[in-house]
Amino acid sequence: MRLTVLGSGSTGNSVLICAGRTRVLVDAGLSAKETVRRLALVGEDVTTLDGVVITHEHSDHAGGLRVLLKTLACPVYISGATRDAYIREKARTNDEPKRRAETLRDRTVEISSSQDFRIGEIDFHPFTVPHDAADNFGFVATHDGVRVATLMDFGCVTTLVAEQLKGCAAIVMESNHSRDMLKACDVYPWELKQRILSRTGHLSNEDVAVWLRDGFDGCAEHVVLAHLSQRANNPDLAKFTAESALRERGGLFQPSTRITLSHHKEPTPWIEL
């Protein structure tokens, strides 16, 4: 298996997972043009995708889907609740919901956060994560016994999340904000700060550090920090906080995990597993 985060942040999120001859795009938050461009940057052709998985309806995860589907022949894997919410989600024009509904007609495979599904050579094991969306989920993708987890937009590491992350070779997870930087950010209103800090908001650098120190099983060769806020975080701080947490683990539990930062403007290097 191999993966790259094509882009991650408030301006758009998308991950490419490959195994054998199978290519799956996870979320379509980048514009269609930018998705095509970044796929080309990593040596992939958008027309070879075998499926698009949409984790939830928010525009930074699904905003580019309708236009992107004009160039794709593959199906969209999406839950019924997320599909309905996506059609209604913050439409810029009065006819946008109708256009989204027409685009998705006969193009979707309905999935559920409680039921495994398969795309080509990759098995997907979804699980619910706490976020203020209709039906948000993370998942573990498996191929030939190798497990890769992707989960963004969640407010806390639940018992279910912690359990699902065990035994993974790579994990893409959000490290959205520094709590101090968020509280000091004068651009965000207090209501937005409360939403981000809530258990159904976004995971902080500090939350990631607690999990890495106390809950991480040490199996993952790679942990990719994603969805970093451009206003309430700093990439160097997010990486330092995560790496410091790994060093704080007991001597017998020191993993050789590599912390990688994703970017909102460019893909990460391929992670080969």
Protein backbone atom coordinates (compact mmCIF):
# COMPACT_ATOMS: atom_id res chain seq x y z
CA MET A 1 0.00 0.00 0.00
CA ARG A 2 0.96 3.61 -0.41
CA LEU A 3 -0.69 6.94 0.32
CA THR A 4 -0.29 10.67 -0.09
CA VAL A 5 -2.23 13.54 1.42
CA LEU A 6 -2.97 15.65 -1.65
CA GLY A 7 -3.90 18.60 0.53
CA SER A 8 -5.22 19.23 4.01
CA GLY A 9 -6.53 22.27 5.83
CA SER A 10 -9.55 24.52 6.04
CA THR A 11 -9.26 25.23 2.29
CA GLY A 12 -9.71 21.58 1.34
CA ASN A 13 -8.85 17.99 2.23
CA SER A 14 -8.12 14.97 0.07
CA VAL A 15 -6.10 11.77 0.48
CA LEU A 16 -5.10 9.21 -2.16
CA ILE A 17 -4.72 5.57 -1.11
CA CYS A 18 -3.33 2.98 -3.53
CA ALA A 19 -2.94 -0.79 -3.34
CA GLY A 20 -2.07 -3.00 -6.28
CA ARG A 21 -3.99 -1.55 -9.21
CA THR A 22 -6.61 0.19 -7.03
CA ARG A 23 -6.72 3.98 -6.56
CA VAL A 24 -9.16 5.51 -4.07
CA LEU A 25 -9.64 9.21 -3.39
CA VAL A 26 -10.74 9.97 0.15
CA ASP A 27 -12.72 13.22 0.24
CA ALA A 28 -12.94 15.85 -2.48
CA GLY A 29 -12.50 19.12 -0.63
CA LEU A 30 -10.08 20.60 -3.16
CA SER A 31 -11.39 22.14 -6.35
CA ALA A 32 -11.70 19.74 -9.26
CA LYS A 33 -8.92 21.56 -11.12
CA GLU A 34 -6.62 21.40 -8.11
CA THR A 35 -7.38 17.73 -7.50
CA VAL A 36 -6.44 16.87 -11.08
CA ARG A 37 -3.27 18.96 -10.82
CA ARG A 38 -2.11 17.42 -7.57
CA LEU A 39 -2.82 13.89 -8.75
CA ALA A 40 -0.61 14.62 -11.74
CA LEU A 41 2.10 15.95 -9.41
CA VAL A 42 2.26 12.56 -7.68
CA GLY A 43 2.17 10.68 -10.98
CA GLU A 44 -1.48 9.65 -11.02
CA ASP A 45 -4.26 10.21 -13.58
CA VAL A 46 -7.66 11.25 -12.25
CA THR A 47 -9.40 8.99 -14.81
CA THR A 48 -7.87 5.88 -13.22
CA LEU A 49 -9.60 6.36 -9.85
CA ASP A 50 -11.67 3.36 -8.75
CA GLY A 51 -13.76 5.23 -6.22
CA VAL A 52 -14.24 8.41 -4.21
CA VAL A 53 -15.06 8.03 -0.50
CA ILE A 54 -16.76 10.99 1.19
CA THR A 55 -16.40 10.98 4.98
CA HIS A 56 -18.77 13.88 5.63
CA GLU A 57 -20.55 16.75 3.92
CA HIS A 58 -18.56 19.82 5.00
CA SER A 59 -17.28 21.86 2.07
CA ASP A 60 -13.60 21.36 2.88
CA HIS A 61 -14.18 17.63 2.38
CA ALA A 62 -16.80 17.52 -0.37
CA GLY A 63 -16.87 20.97 -1.98
CA GLY A 64 -15.12 19.88 -5.18
CA LEU A 65 -17.11 16.70 -5.71
CA ARG A 66 -19.79 17.84 -8.14
CA VAL A 67 -17.40 19.31 -10.69
CA LEU A 68 -14.85 16.53 -10.23
CA LEU A 69 -17.46 13.91 -11.13
CA LYS A 70 -17.68 15.38 -14.63
CA THR A 71 -14.27 13.83 -15.37
CA LEU A 72 -14.76 10.55 -13.48
CA ALA A 73 -16.49 7.30 -14.30
CA CYS A 74 -16.05 5.73 -10.86
CA PRO A 75 -18.72 5.65 -8.13
CA VAL A 76 -18.93 7.77 -4.98
CA TYR A 77 -19.05 5.86 -1.70
CA ILE A 78 -21.16 7.91 0.70
CA SER A 79 -23.68 7.30 3.48
CA GLY A 80 -27.32 8.20 2.94
CA ALA A 81 -27.27 10.83 5.69
CA THR A 82 -24.10 12.41 4.32
CA ARG A 83 -25.49 12.42 0.78
CA ASP A 84 -28.63 14.26 1.89
CA ALA A 85 -26.60 16.73 3.96
CA TYR A 86 -24.15 17.31 1.09
CA ILE A 87 -26.96 18.23 -1.27
CA ARG A 88 -28.17 20.87 1.22
CA GLU A 89 -24.76 22.02 2.47
CA LYS A 90 -24.23 25.79 2.19
CA ALA A 91 -25.33 26.07 -1.43
CA ARG A 92 -23.81 29.13 -3.13
CA THR A 93 -26.63 29.38 -5.66
CA ASN A 94 -30.32 28.50 -5.52
CA ASP A 95 -29.92 25.72 -8.07
CA GLU A 96 -26.85 24.12 -6.46
CA PRO A 97 -28.81 21.51 -4.43
CA LYS A 98 -30.60 20.39 -7.60
CA ARG A 99 -27.32 20.22 -9.52
CA ARG A 100 -25.69 18.17 -6.77
CA ALA A 101 -28.62 15.77 -6.62
CA GLU A 102 -28.59 15.30 -10.39
CA THR A 103 -24.83 14.75 -10.43
CA LEU A 104 -25.02 12.05 -7.76
CA ARG A 105 -27.98 10.24 -9.34
CA ASP A 106 -26.93 6.66 -10.18
CA ARG A 107 -23.33 7.49 -9.22
CA THR A 108 -23.32 6.49 -5.54
CA VAL A 109 -22.77 3.36 -3.50
CA GLU A 110 -24.42 3.79 -0.11
CA ILE A 111 -22.18 2.89 2.80
CA SER A 112 -22.54 2.91 6.58
CA SER A 113 -20.17 3.62 9.44
CA SER A 114 -21.13 0.24 10.91
CA GLN A 115 -20.54 -1.89 7.81
CA ASP A 116 -17.31 -2.78 6.01
CA PHE A 117 -17.05 -2.29 2.25
CA ARG A 118 -14.54 -3.02 -0.49
CA ILE A 119 -13.20 -1.02 -3.41
CA GLY A 120 -11.04 -3.04 -5.79
CA GLU A 121 -8.22 -4.56 -3.76
CA ILE A 122 -8.78 -2.45 -0.63
CA ASP A 123 -11.07 -3.33 2.29
CA PHE A 124 -12.51 -0.41 4.24
CA HIS A 125 -13.51 -0.65 7.90
CA PRO A 126 -15.36 2.58 8.83
CA PHE A 127 -16.07 3.77 12.36
CA THR A 128 -17.93 6.74 13.80
CA VAL A 129 -15.95 9.76 15.01
CA PRO A 130 -17.33 12.68 17.07
CA HIS A 131 -17.88 15.74 14.88
CA ASP A 132 -20.74 18.11 14.17
CA ALA A 133 -21.61 16.59 10.81
CA ALA A 134 -24.51 14.39 9.74
CA ASP A 135 -22.64 11.06 9.78
CA ASN A 136 -18.88 11.59 9.98
CA PHE A 137 -16.60 8.56 10.01
CA GLY A 138 -12.96 7.59 9.94
CA PHE A 139 -11.78 4.26 8.58
CA VAL A 140 -9.04 1.69 8.42
CA ALA A 141 -8.09 0.62 4.90
CA THR A 142 -6.58 -2.86 4.64
CA HIS A 143 -4.67 -4.64 1.88
CA ASP A 144 -2.70 -7.88 2.34
CA GLY A 145 -2.78 -7.43 6.10
CA VAL A 146 -1.43 -3.86 6.05
CA ARG A 147 -3.66 -1.37 7.88
CA VAL A 148 -3.85 2.37 7.16
CA ALA A 149 -6.13 4.70 9.16
CA THR A 150 -7.49 8.03 7.98
CA LEU A 151 -9.54 10.24 10.27
CA MET A 152 -9.99 13.99 10.19
CA ASP A 153 -12.47 16.39 11.74
CA PHE A 154 -13.09 14.89 15.16
CA GLY A 155 -13.10 16.49 18.55
CA CYS A 156 -11.73 13.81 20.85
CA VAL A 157 -10.10 10.39 20.85
CA THR A 158 -12.88 8.06 21.96
CA THR A 159 -12.41 4.48 23.14
CA LEU A 160 -13.62 3.32 19.71
CA VAL A 161 -11.14 5.55 17.88
CA ALA A 162 -8.24 4.43 20.07
CA GLU A 163 -9.12 0.78 19.49
CA GLN A 164 -9.39 1.17 15.73
CA LEU A 165 -5.96 2.81 15.50
CA LYS A 166 -4.19 -0.20 17.01
CA GLY A 167 -2.08 -2.26 14.65
CA CYS A 168 -2.00 0.35 11.87
CA ALA A 169 1.14 0.83 9.79
CA ALA A 170 0.25 4.45 9.01
CA ILE A 171 -2.21 6.93 10.49
CA VAL A 172 -3.45 10.18 8.99
CA MET A 173 -5.10 12.21 11.73
CA GLU A 174 -5.82 15.84 12.40
CA SER A 175 -3.77 18.06 14.67
CA ASN A 176 -5.92 21.09 14.04
CA HIS A 177 -4.92 23.75 16.53
CA SER A 178 -2.89 24.83 19.50
CA ARG A 179 -5.33 25.55 22.30
CA ASP A 180 -3.44 28.69 23.35
CA MET A 181 -3.16 29.96 19.79
CA LEU A 182 -6.86 29.32 19.19
CA LYS A 183 -7.92 31.16 22.33
CA ALA A 184 -5.68 34.09 21.40
CA CYS A 185 -6.83 34.26 17.78
CA ASP A 186 -8.66 37.55 17.37
CA VAL A 187 -10.06 36.61 13.95
CA TYR A 188 -12.33 33.84 15.26
CA PRO A 189 -15.48 34.76 17.22
CA TRP A 190 -15.92 33.10 20.61
CA GLU A 191 -18.76 30.90 19.29
CA LEU A 192 -16.43 29.40 16.67
CA LYS A 193 -13.71 28.85 19.24
CA GLN A 194 -16.18 27.00 21.46
CA ARG A 195 -17.22 24.82 18.54
CA ILE A 196 -13.61 23.95 17.65
CA LEU A 197 -12.71 23.18 21.28
CA SER A 198 -15.77 20.98 21.89
CA ARG A 199 -15.85 17.19 21.86
CA THR A 200 -17.51 17.36 18.44
CA GLY A 201 -15.12 19.98 17.07
CA HIS A 202 -11.48 19.50 16.11
CA LEU A 203 -8.54 17.68 17.69
CA SER A 204 -5.79 19.88 19.16
CA ASN A 205 -2.02 19.38 19.19
CA GLU A 206 -2.35 18.69 22.90
CA ASP A 207 -4.97 15.98 22.33
CA VAL A 208 -2.73 14.27 19.78
CA ALA A 209 0.17 14.42 22.24
CA VAL A 210 -1.84 12.77 25.01
CA TRP A 211 -2.84 9.94 22.67
CA LEU A 212 0.71 9.47 21.37
CA ARG A 213 2.09 9.34 24.90
CA ASP A 214 -0.59 7.27 26.62
CA GLY A 215 -2.76 5.50 24.04
CA PHE A 216 -0.66 4.86 20.94
CA ASP A 217 0.46 1.24 20.58
CA GLY A 218 3.66 2.22 18.75
CA CYS A 219 2.95 0.10 15.67
CA ALA A 220 2.59 2.85 13.08
CA GLU A 221 5.71 3.64 11.07
CA HIS A 222 4.13 6.94 10.02
CA VAL A 223 1.76 9.40 11.66
CA VAL A 224 0.72 12.20 9.32
CA LEU A 225 -0.59 15.33 11.03
CA ALA A 226 -3.42 16.80 8.97
CA HIS A 227 -5.98 19.60 8.89
CA LEU A 228 -3.65 22.13 10.55
CA SER A 229 -5.31 25.49 11.07
CA GLN A 230 -3.57 28.32 9.24
CA ARG A 231 -4.63 30.81 11.93
CA ALA A 232 -4.59 28.82 15.16
CA ASN A 233 -1.62 26.51 14.66
CA ASN A 234 1.98 26.43 13.52
CA PRO A 235 3.38 23.43 11.61
CA ASP A 236 6.65 23.41 13.57
CA LEU A 237 4.73 23.56 16.85
CA ALA A 238 2.40 20.71 15.85
CA LYS A 239 5.33 18.50 14.86
CA PHE A 240 7.38 19.41 17.95
CA THR A 241 4.43 18.67 20.25
CA ALA A 242 3.88 15.26 18.67
CA GLU A 243 7.54 14.29 18.64
CA SER A 244 7.96 15.41 22.26
CA ALA A 245 5.06 13.17 23.28
CA LEU A 246 6.72 10.19 21.61
CA ARG A 247 9.93 10.87 23.52
CA GLU A 248 8.00 11.02 26.80
CA ARG A 249 6.86 7.43 26.48
CA GLY A 250 8.51 4.89 28.76
CA GLY A 251 11.83 3.39 27.66
CA LEU A 252 10.31 0.04 26.77
CA PHE A 253 7.66 1.67 24.60
CA GLN A 254 9.74 3.97 22.42
CA PRO A 255 8.40 3.65 18.86
CA SER A 256 10.36 4.47 15.71
CA THR A 257 7.39 6.39 14.34
CA ARG A 258 8.03 9.21 11.87
CA ILE A 259 5.87 12.32 12.23
CA THR A 260 5.01 13.92 8.88
CA LEU A 261 3.23 17.21 8.25
CA SER A 262 0.61 17.58 5.53
CA HIS A 263 0.18 20.87 3.69
CA HIS A 264 -2.75 22.82 2.30
CA LYS A 265 -0.90 23.84 -0.88
CA GLU A 266 0.91 20.67 -1.99
CA PRO A 267 0.85 16.87 -1.65
CA THR A 268 2.98 15.01 0.84
CA PRO A 269 5.66 12.66 -0.49
CA TRP A 270 4.39 9.12 -1.05
CA ILE A 271 4.34 6.97 2.06
CA GLU A 272 5.14 3.40 1.05
CA LEU A 273 4.02 0.51 3.28
